[in-house]
Amino acid sequence: MYLTLVVALCAVVALAGVVVTVIHEPPTWAVVVGTVVGFALGAVLLELPALADVAESSVGAWSLRFGAFSTVEALLTLAVTTRGRTARSADS
């Protein structure tokens, strides 16, 4: 039950993150940074005792990593594209 819930929530978070990233089209460097930081965050989360059941399953572990990656990617995308728009509108 717990594993199924985590996988389902990670799938929803990953889908939302991918949609935000695709809509805002971040620069390549932001994608690379988001990927590295997201997978590192996923690895750290899997070391937590509360997520030990998830870490034992490969599906659970990869869904958590992908959810963390998508979240970091979406947040970085929003930060980069919003700052770019604000800077462009201030120049006008």
PDB file of N, CA and C in Angstrom:
ATOM      1  N   MET A   1       0.832  -1.198   0.000  1.00  0.00           N
ATOM      2  CA  MET A   1       0.000   0.000   0.000  1.00  0.00           C
ATOM      3  C   MET A   1       0.867   1.249   0.000  1.00  0.00           C
ATOM      4  N   TYR A   2       1.828   1.307   0.904  1.00  0.00           N
ATOM      5  CA  TYR A   2       2.698   2.467   1.035  1.00  0.00           C
ATOM      6  C   TYR A   2       3.506   2.685  -0.248  1.00  0.00           C
ATOM      7  N   LEU A   3       4.043   1.620  -0.799  1.00  0.00           N
ATOM      8  CA  LEU A   3       4.822   1.710  -2.027  1.00  0.00           C
ATOM      9  C   LEU A   3       3.949   2.180  -3.189  1.00  0.00           C
ATOM     10  N   THR A   4       2.744   1.657  -3.286  1.00  0.00           N
ATOM     11  CA  THR A   4       1.832   2.046  -4.360  1.00  0.00           C
ATOM     12  C   THR A   4       1.487   3.526  -4.264  1.00  0.00           C
ATOM     13  N   LEU A   5       1.264   4.023  -3.068  1.00  0.00           N
ATOM     14  CA  LEU A   5       0.950   5.428  -2.865  1.00  0.00           C
ATOM     15  C   LEU A   5       2.121   6.315  -3.278  1.00  0.00           C
ATOM     16  N   VAL A   6       3.316   5.948  -2.890  1.00  0.00           N
ATOM     17  CA  VAL A   6       4.496   6.738  -3.240  1.00  0.00           C
ATOM     18  C   VAL A   6       4.705   6.740  -4.755  1.00  0.00           C
ATOM     19  N   VAL A   7       4.561   5.607  -5.398  1.00  0.00           N
ATOM     20  CA  VAL A   7       4.728   5.538  -6.852  1.00  0.00           C
ATOM     21  C   VAL A   7       3.673   6.381  -7.551  1.00  0.00           C
ATOM     22  N   ALA A   8       2.430   6.319  -7.094  1.00  0.00           N
ATOM     23  CA  ALA A   8       1.365   7.110  -7.715  1.00  0.00           C
ATOM     24  C   ALA A   8       1.612   8.606  -7.528  1.00  0.00           C
ATOM     25  N   LEU A   9       1.989   9.019  -6.332  1.00  0.00           N
ATOM     26  CA  LEU A   9       2.270  10.435  -6.096  1.00  0.00           C
ATOM     27  C   LEU A   9       3.472  10.918  -6.900  1.00  0.00           C
ATOM     28  N   CYS A  10       4.492  10.104  -6.995  1.00  0.00           N
ATOM     29  CA  CYS A  10       5.663  10.472  -7.791  1.00  0.00           C
ATOM     30  C   CYS A  10       5.312  10.586  -9.278  1.00  0.00           C
ATOM     31  N   ALA A  11       4.425   9.726  -9.744  1.00  0.00           N
ATOM     32  CA  ALA A  11       4.008   9.810 -11.143  1.00  0.00           C
ATOM     33  C   ALA A  11       3.254  11.105 -11.413  1.00  0.00           C
ATOM     34  N   VAL A  12       2.398  11.514 -10.500  1.00  0.00           N
ATOM     35  CA  VAL A  12       1.661  12.773 -10.674  1.00  0.00           C
ATOM     36  C   VAL A  12       2.622  13.964 -10.634  1.00  0.00           C
ATOM     37  N   VAL A  13       3.543  13.958  -9.682  1.00  0.00           N
ATOM     38  CA  VAL A  13       4.519  15.044  -9.563  1.00  0.00           C
ATOM     39  C   VAL A  13       5.419  15.087 -10.798  1.00  0.00           C
ATOM     40  N   ALA A  14       5.853  13.936 -11.272  1.00  0.00           N
ATOM     41  CA  ALA A  14       6.708  13.885 -12.455  1.00  0.00           C
ATOM     42  C   ALA A  14       5.981  14.402 -13.683  1.00  0.00           C
ATOM     43  N   LEU A  15       4.732  14.021 -13.852  1.00  0.00           N
ATOM     44  CA  LEU A  15       3.959  14.501 -14.999  1.00  0.00           C
ATOM     45  C   LEU A  15       3.794  16.013 -14.949  1.00  0.00           C
ATOM     46  N   ALA A  16       3.476  16.550 -13.786  1.00  0.00           N
ATOM     47  CA  ALA A  16       3.326  17.999 -13.642  1.00  0.00           C
ATOM     48  C   ALA A  16       4.651  18.719 -13.925  1.00  0.00           C
ATOM     49  N   GLY A  17       5.743  18.170 -13.422  1.00  0.00           N
ATOM     50  CA  GLY A  17       7.050  18.773 -13.656  1.00  0.00           C
ATOM     51  C   GLY A  17       7.450  18.760 -15.116  1.00  0.00           C
ATOM     52  N   VAL A  18       7.176  17.673 -15.787  1.00  0.00           N
ATOM     53  CA  VAL A  18       7.498  17.581 -17.212  1.00  0.00           C
ATOM     54  C   VAL A  18       6.662  18.574 -18.023  1.00  0.00           C
ATOM     55  N   VAL A  19       5.391  18.707 -17.683  1.00  0.00           N
ATOM     56  CA  VAL A  19       4.529  19.649 -18.393  1.00  0.00           C
ATOM     57  C   VAL A  19       5.033  21.082 -18.215  1.00  0.00           C
ATOM     58  N   VAL A  20       5.376  21.463 -16.989  1.00  0.00           N
ATOM     59  CA  VAL A  20       5.894  22.813 -16.738  1.00  0.00           C
ATOM     60  C   VAL A  20       7.189  23.035 -17.502  1.00  0.00           C
ATOM     61  N   THR A  21       8.071  22.058 -17.503  1.00  0.00           N
ATOM     62  CA  THR A  21       9.350  22.193 -18.197  1.00  0.00           C
ATOM     63  C   THR A  21       9.157  22.325 -19.701  1.00  0.00           C
ATOM     64  N   VAL A  22       8.278  21.541 -20.270  1.00  0.00           N
ATOM     65  CA  VAL A  22       8.053  21.587 -21.720  1.00  0.00           C
ATOM     66  C   VAL A  22       7.409  22.904 -22.131  1.00  0.00           C
ATOM     67  N   ILE A  23       6.473  23.387 -21.340  1.00  0.00           N
ATOM     68  CA  ILE A  23       5.786  24.633 -21.686  1.00  0.00           C
ATOM     69  C   ILE A  23       6.739  25.822 -21.662  1.00  0.00           C
ATOM     70  N   HIS A  24       7.637  25.876 -20.682  1.00  0.00           N
ATOM     71  CA  HIS A  24       8.501  27.043 -20.517  1.00  0.00           C
ATOM     72  C   HIS A  24       9.838  26.945 -21.243  1.00  0.00           C
ATOM     73  N   GLU A  25      10.199  25.807 -21.766  1.00  0.00           N
ATOM     74  CA  GLU A  25      11.412  25.603 -22.565  1.00  0.00           C
ATOM     75  C   GLU A  25      12.660  26.246 -21.948  1.00  0.00           C
ATOM     76  N   PRO A  26      13.237  25.604 -20.931  1.00  0.00           N
ATOM     77  CA  PRO A  26      14.425  26.182 -20.279  1.00  0.00           C
ATOM     78  C   PRO A  26      15.663  26.063 -21.166  1.00  0.00           C
ATOM     79  N   PRO A  27      16.702  26.853 -20.859  1.00  0.00           N
ATOM     80  CA  PRO A  27      17.965  26.693 -21.601  1.00  0.00           C
ATOM     81  C   PRO A  27      18.617  25.352 -21.262  1.00  0.00           C
ATOM     82  N   THR A  28      19.522  24.931 -22.103  1.00  0.00           N
ATOM     83  CA  THR A  28      20.161  23.626 -21.951  1.00  0.00           C
ATOM     84  C   THR A  28      20.901  23.499 -20.625  1.00  0.00           C
ATOM     85  N   TRP A  29      21.592  24.540 -20.210  1.00  0.00           N
ATOM     86  CA  TRP A  29      22.337  24.464 -18.953  1.00  0.00           C
ATOM     87  C   TRP A  29      21.397  24.221 -17.774  1.00  0.00           C
ATOM     88  N   ALA A  30      20.193  24.766 -17.830  1.00  0.00           N
ATOM     89  CA  ALA A  30      19.238  24.564 -16.741  1.00  0.00           C
ATOM     90  C   ALA A  30      18.772  23.112 -16.698  1.00  0.00           C
ATOM     91  N   VAL A  31      18.641  22.492 -17.847  1.00  0.00           N
ATOM     92  CA  VAL A  31      18.243  21.085 -17.900  1.00  0.00           C
ATOM     93  C   VAL A  31      19.334  20.204 -17.296  1.00  0.00           C
ATOM     94  N   VAL A  32      20.582  20.498 -17.632  1.00  0.00           N
ATOM     95  CA  VAL A  32      21.701  19.709 -17.110  1.00  0.00           C
ATOM     96  C   VAL A  32      21.812  19.870 -15.591  1.00  0.00           C
ATOM     97  N   VAL A  33      21.746  21.104 -15.113  1.00  0.00           N
ATOM     98  CA  VAL A  33      21.836  21.357 -13.671  1.00  0.00           C
ATOM     99  C   VAL A  33      20.656  20.710 -12.944  1.00  0.00           C
ATOM    100  N   GLY A  34      19.459  20.848 -13.495  1.00  0.00           N
ATOM    101  CA  GLY A  34      18.281  20.251 -12.881  1.00  0.00           C
ATOM    102  C   GLY A  34      18.362  18.734 -12.812  1.00  0.00           C
ATOM    103  N   THR A  35      18.913  18.123 -13.841  1.00  0.00           N
ATOM    104  CA  THR A  35      19.059  16.673 -13.865  1.00  0.00           C
ATOM    105  C   THR A  35      20.025  16.198 -12.784  1.00  0.00           C
ATOM    106  N   VAL A  36      21.166  16.833 -12.696  1.00  0.00           N
ATOM    107  CA  VAL A  36      22.173  16.427 -11.710  1.00  0.00           C
ATOM    108  C   VAL A  36      21.666  16.635 -10.283  1.00  0.00           C
ATOM    109  N   VAL A  37      21.098  17.804 -10.020  1.00  0.00           N
ATOM    110  CA  VAL A  37      20.604  18.100  -8.675  1.00  0.00           C
ATOM    111  C   VAL A  37      19.406  17.208  -8.327  1.00  0.00           C
ATOM    112  N   GLY A  38      18.519  16.980  -9.290  1.00  0.00           N
ATOM    113  CA  GLY A  38      17.345  16.148  -9.039  1.00  0.00           C
ATOM    114  C   GLY A  38      17.687  14.713  -8.709  1.00  0.00           C
ATOM    115  N   PHE A  39      18.600  14.118  -9.448  1.00  0.00           N
ATOM    116  CA  PHE A  39      18.980  12.738  -9.154  1.00  0.00           C
ATOM    117  C   PHE A  39      19.782  12.645  -7.857  1.00  0.00           C
ATOM    118  N   ALA A  40      20.566  13.674  -7.537  1.00  0.00           N
ATOM    119  CA  ALA A  40      21.269  13.675  -6.247  1.00  0.00           C
ATOM    120  C   ALA A  40      20.260  13.779  -5.103  1.00  0.00           C
ATOM    121  N   LEU A  41      19.248  14.619  -5.267  1.00  0.00           N
ATOM    122  CA  LEU A  41      18.200  14.734  -4.248  1.00  0.00           C
ATOM    123  C   LEU A  41      17.446  13.420  -4.092  1.00  0.00           C
ATOM    124  N   GLY A  42      17.156  12.761  -5.197  1.00  0.00           N
ATOM    125  CA  GLY A  42      16.485  11.458  -5.135  1.00  0.00           C
ATOM    126  C   GLY A  42      17.314  10.428  -4.388  1.00  0.00           C
ATOM    127  N   ALA A  43      18.618  10.440  -4.606  1.00  0.00           N
ATOM    128  CA  ALA A  43      19.499   9.497  -3.905  1.00  0.00           C
ATOM    129  C   ALA A  43      19.518   9.786  -2.404  1.00  0.00           C
ATOM    130  N   VAL A  44      19.514  11.060  -2.042  1.00  0.00           N
ATOM    131  CA  VAL A  44      19.491  11.428  -0.620  1.00  0.00           C
ATOM    132  C   VAL A  44      18.165  11.011   0.016  1.00  0.00           C
ATOM    133  N   LEU A  45      17.063  11.241  -0.684  1.00  0.00           N
ATOM    134  CA  LEU A  45      15.750  10.857  -0.162  1.00  0.00           C
ATOM    135  C   LEU A  45      15.646   9.351   0.059  1.00  0.00           C
ATOM    136  N   LEU A  46      16.251   8.574  -0.817  1.00  0.00           N
ATOM    137  CA  LEU A  46      16.191   7.123  -0.679  1.00  0.00           C
ATOM    138  C   LEU A  46      16.988   6.606   0.514  1.00  0.00           C
ATOM    139  N   GLU A  47      17.884   7.405   1.047  1.00  0.00           N
ATOM    140  CA  GLU A  47      18.659   7.014   2.224  1.00  0.00           C
ATOM    141  C   GLU A  47      17.901   7.259   3.528  1.00  0.00           C
ATOM    142  N   LEU A  48      16.792   7.990   3.468  1.00  0.00           N
ATOM    143  CA  LEU A  48      16.018   8.281   4.675  1.00  0.00           C
ATOM    144  C   LEU A  48      15.355   7.012   5.202  1.00  0.00           C
ATOM    145  N   PRO A  49      15.337   6.837   6.520  1.00  0.00           N
ATOM    146  CA  PRO A  49      14.702   5.642   7.093  1.00  0.00           C
ATOM    147  C   PRO A  49      13.205   5.545   6.783  1.00  0.00           C
ATOM    148  N   ALA A  50      12.531   6.679   6.649  1.00  0.00           N
ATOM    149  CA  ALA A  50      11.092   6.670   6.370  1.00  0.00           C
ATOM    150  C   ALA A  50      10.779   6.106   4.986  1.00  0.00           C
ATOM    151  N   LEU A  51      11.741   6.165   4.092  1.00  0.00           N
ATOM    152  CA  LEU A  51      11.528   5.666   2.728  1.00  0.00           C
ATOM    153  C   LEU A  51      12.270   4.360   2.468  1.00  0.00           C
ATOM    154  N   ALA A  52      12.574   3.614   3.511  1.00  0.00           N
ATOM    155  CA  ALA A  52      13.309   2.354   3.359  1.00  0.00           C
ATOM    156  C   ALA A  52      12.510   1.339   2.535  1.00  0.00           C
ATOM    157  N   ASP A  53      11.194   1.305   2.717  1.00  0.00           N
ATOM    158  CA  ASP A  53      10.369   0.375   1.937  1.00  0.00           C
ATOM    159  C   ASP A  53      10.400   0.717   0.448  1.00  0.00           C
ATOM    160  N   VAL A  54      10.427   1.998   0.145  1.00  0.00           N
ATOM    161  CA  VAL A  54      10.467   2.439  -1.254  1.00  0.00           C
ATOM    162  C   VAL A  54      11.822   2.102  -1.867  1.00  0.00           C
ATOM    163  N   ALA A  55      12.894   2.272  -1.099  1.00  0.00           N
ATOM    164  CA  ALA A  55      14.242   2.021  -1.601  1.00  0.00           C
ATOM    165  C   ALA A  55      14.470   0.550  -1.932  1.00  0.00           C
ATOM    166  N   GLU A  56      13.727  -0.350  -1.299  1.00  0.00           N
ATOM    167  CA  GLU A  56      13.897  -1.781  -1.569  1.00  0.00           C
ATOM    168  C   GLU A  56      13.336  -2.185  -2.931  1.00  0.00           C
ATOM    169  N   SER A  57      12.407  -1.434  -3.458  1.00  0.00           N
ATOM    170  CA  SER A  57      11.794  -1.741  -4.747  1.00  0.00           C
ATOM    171  C   SER A  57      12.435  -0.879  -5.833  1.00  0.00           C
ATOM    172  N   SER A  58      12.812  -1.490  -6.943  1.00  0.00           N
ATOM    173  CA  SER A  58      13.423  -0.709  -8.019  1.00  0.00           C
ATOM    174  C   SER A  58      12.411   0.253  -8.646  1.00  0.00           C
ATOM    175  N   VAL A  59      11.152  -0.162  -8.742  1.00  0.00           N
ATOM    176  CA  VAL A  59      10.119   0.726  -9.287  1.00  0.00           C
ATOM    177  C   VAL A  59       9.912   1.916  -8.360  1.00  0.00           C
ATOM    178  N   GLY A  60       9.856   1.660  -7.073  1.00  0.00           N
ATOM    179  CA  GLY A  60       9.696   2.739  -6.111  1.00  0.00           C
ATOM    180  C   GLY A  60      10.884   3.684  -6.101  1.00  0.00           C
ATOM    181  N   ALA A  61      12.084   3.119  -6.150  1.00  0.00           N
ATOM    182  CA  ALA A  61      13.290   3.943  -6.118  1.00  0.00           C
ATOM    183  C   ALA A  61      13.377   4.842  -7.351  1.00  0.00           C
ATOM    184  N   TRP A  62      13.119   4.270  -8.519  1.00  0.00           N
ATOM    185  CA  TRP A  62      13.201   5.080  -9.738  1.00  0.00           C
ATOM    186  C   TRP A  62      12.060   6.071  -9.862  1.00  0.00           C
ATOM    187  N   SER A  63      10.894   5.732  -9.353  1.00  0.00           N
ATOM    188  CA  SER A  63       9.803   6.707  -9.393  1.00  0.00           C
ATOM    189  C   SER A  63      10.107   7.875  -8.465  1.00  0.00           C
ATOM    190  N   LEU A  64      10.718   7.613  -7.319  1.00  0.00           N
ATOM    191  CA  LEU A  64      11.101   8.688  -6.408  1.00  0.00           C
ATOM    192  C   LEU A  64      12.194   9.552  -7.031  1.00  0.00           C
ATOM    193  N   ARG A  65      13.164   8.926  -7.658  1.00  0.00           N
ATOM    194  CA  ARG A  65      14.217   9.697  -8.330  1.00  0.00           C
ATOM    195  C   ARG A  65      13.641  10.560  -9.447  1.00  0.00           C
ATOM    196  N   PHE A  66      12.742   9.982 -10.238  1.00  0.00           N
ATOM    197  CA  PHE A  66      12.157  10.733 -11.351  1.00  0.00           C
ATOM    198  C   PHE A  66      11.263  11.860 -10.834  1.00  0.00           C
ATOM    199  N   GLY A  67      10.547  11.625  -9.746  1.00  0.00           N
ATOM    200  CA  GLY A  67       9.739  12.681  -9.143  1.00  0.00           C
ATOM    201  C   GLY A  67      10.596  13.826  -8.630  1.00  0.00           C
ATOM    202  N   ALA A  68      11.712  13.493  -7.974  1.00  0.00           N
ATOM    203  CA  ALA A  68      12.631  14.528  -7.477  1.00  0.00           C
ATOM    204  C   ALA A  68      13.255  15.285  -8.639  1.00  0.00           C
ATOM    205  N   PHE A  69      13.669  14.569  -9.670  1.00  0.00           N
ATOM    206  CA  PHE A  69      14.248  15.200 -10.854  1.00  0.00           C
ATOM    207  C   PHE A  69      13.252  16.154 -11.505  1.00  0.00           C
ATOM    208  N   SER A  70      12.028  15.722 -11.675  1.00  0.00           N
ATOM    209  CA  SER A  70      11.022  16.557 -12.321  1.00  0.00           C
ATOM    210  C   SER A  70      10.680  17.786 -11.496  1.00  0.00           C
ATOM    211  N   THR A  71      10.648  17.636 -10.184  1.00  0.00           N
ATOM    212  CA  THR A  71      10.365  18.772  -9.313  1.00  0.00           C
ATOM    213  C   THR A  71      11.471  19.818  -9.386  1.00  0.00           C
ATOM    214  N   VAL A  72      12.711  19.382  -9.272  1.00  0.00           N
ATOM    215  CA  VAL A  72      13.842  20.318  -9.351  1.00  0.00           C
ATOM    216  C   VAL A  72      13.891  20.967 -10.720  1.00  0.00           C
ATOM    217  N   GLU A  73      13.667  20.198 -11.749  1.00  0.00           N
ATOM    218  CA  GLU A  73      13.690  20.728 -13.116  1.00  0.00           C
ATOM    219  C   GLU A  73      12.607  21.785 -13.318  1.00  0.00           C
ATOM    220  N   ALA A  74      11.403  21.512 -12.833  1.00  0.00           N
ATOM    221  CA  ALA A  74      10.305  22.471 -12.979  1.00  0.00           C
ATOM    222  C   ALA A  74      10.574  23.746 -12.194  1.00  0.00           C
ATOM    223  N   LEU A  75      11.057  23.619 -10.959  1.00  0.00           N
ATOM    224  CA  LEU A  75      11.363  24.810 -10.159  1.00  0.00           C
ATOM    225  C   LEU A  75      12.477  25.643 -10.778  1.00  0.00           C
ATOM    226  N   LEU A  76      13.510  24.993 -11.272  1.00  0.00           N
ATOM    227  CA  LEU A  76      14.603  25.711 -11.925  1.00  0.00           C
ATOM    228  C   LEU A  76      14.118  26.367 -13.208  1.00  0.00           C
ATOM    229  N   THR A  77      13.281  25.677 -13.956  1.00  0.00           N
ATOM    230  CA  THR A  77      12.722  26.238 -15.185  1.00  0.00           C
ATOM    231  C   THR A  77      11.912  27.487 -14.898  1.00  0.00           C
ATOM    232  N   LEU A  78      11.055  27.415 -13.891  1.00  0.00           N
ATOM    233  CA  LEU A  78      10.253  28.579 -13.536  1.00  0.00           C
ATOM    234  C   LEU A  78      11.128  29.737 -13.061  1.00  0.00           C
ATOM    235  N   ALA A  79      12.165  29.442 -12.290  1.00  0.00           N
ATOM    236  CA  ALA A  79      13.057  30.497 -11.805  1.00  0.00           C
ATOM    237  C   ALA A  79      13.811  31.161 -12.953  1.00  0.00           C
ATOM    238  N   VAL A  80      14.322  30.368 -13.877  1.00  0.00           N
ATOM    239  CA  VAL A  80      15.116  30.910 -14.985  1.00  0.00           C
ATOM    240  C   VAL A  80      14.237  31.676 -15.963  1.00  0.00           C
ATOM    241  N   THR A  81      13.106  31.105 -16.343  1.00  0.00           N
ATOM    242  CA  THR A  81      12.269  31.770 -17.344  1.00  0.00           C
ATOM    243  C   THR A  81      11.560  32.984 -16.775  1.00  0.00           C
ATOM    244  N   THR A  82      11.184  32.964 -15.509  1.00  0.00           N
ATOM    245  CA  THR A  82      10.534  34.124 -14.896  1.00  0.00           C
ATOM    246  C   THR A  82      11.531  35.268 -14.750  1.00  0.00           C
ATOM    247  N   ARG A  83      12.755  34.972 -14.341  1.00  0.00           N
ATOM    248  CA  ARG A  83      13.774  36.002 -14.211  1.00  0.00           C
ATOM    249  C   ARG A  83      14.103  36.597 -15.581  1.00  0.00           C
ATOM    250  N   GLY A  84      14.137  35.773 -16.612  1.00  0.00           N
ATOM    251  CA  GLY A  84      14.414  36.260 -17.963  1.00  0.00           C
ATOM    252  C   GLY A  84      13.320  37.182 -18.461  1.00  0.00           C
ATOM    253  N   ARG A  85      12.073  36.832 -18.193  1.00  0.00           N
ATOM    254  CA  ARG A  85      10.961  37.683 -18.608  1.00  0.00           C
ATOM    255  C   ARG A  85      10.964  38.996 -17.847  1.00  0.00           C
ATOM    256  N   THR A  86      11.267  38.950 -16.553  1.00  0.00           N
ATOM    257  CA  THR A  86      11.301  40.169 -15.742  1.00  0.00           C
ATOM    258  C   THR A  86      12.419  41.096 -16.220  1.00  0.00           C
ATOM    259  N   ALA A  87      13.564  40.531 -16.541  1.00  0.00           N
ATOM    260  CA  ALA A  87      14.686  41.338 -17.025  1.00  0.00           C
ATOM    261  C   ALA A  87      14.356  41.950 -18.390  1.00  0.00           C
ATOM    262  N   ARG A  88      13.713  41.199 -19.267  1.00  0.00           N
ATOM    263  CA  ARG A  88      13.348  41.721 -20.590  1.00  0.00           C
ATOM    264  C   ARG A  88      12.314  42.821 -20.482  1.00  0.00           C
ATOM    265  N   SER A  89      11.335  42.672 -19.595  1.00  0.00           N
ATOM    266  CA  SER A  89      10.308  43.692 -19.478  1.00  0.00           C
ATOM    267  C   SER A  89      10.856  44.945 -18.794  1.00  0.00           C
ATOM    268  N   ALA A  90      11.879  44.827 -17.952  1.00  0.00           N
ATOM    269  CA  ALA A  90      12.502  45.990 -17.328  1.00  0.00           C
ATOM    270  C   ALA A  90      13.335  46.765 -18.351  1.00  0.00           C
ATOM    271  N   ASP A  91      13.892  46.064 -19.347  1.00  0.00           N
ATOM    272  CA  ASP A  91      14.680  46.721 -20.397  1.00  0.00           C
ATOM    273  C   ASP A  91      13.805  47.530 -21.333  1.00  0.00           C
ATOM    274  N   SER A  92      12.555  47.138 -21.479  1.00  0.00           N
ATOM    275  CA  SER A  92      11.654  47.801 -22.432  1.00  0.00           C
ATOM    276  C   SER A  92      11.205  49.148 -21.961  1.00  0.00           C
TER     277      SER A  92
END
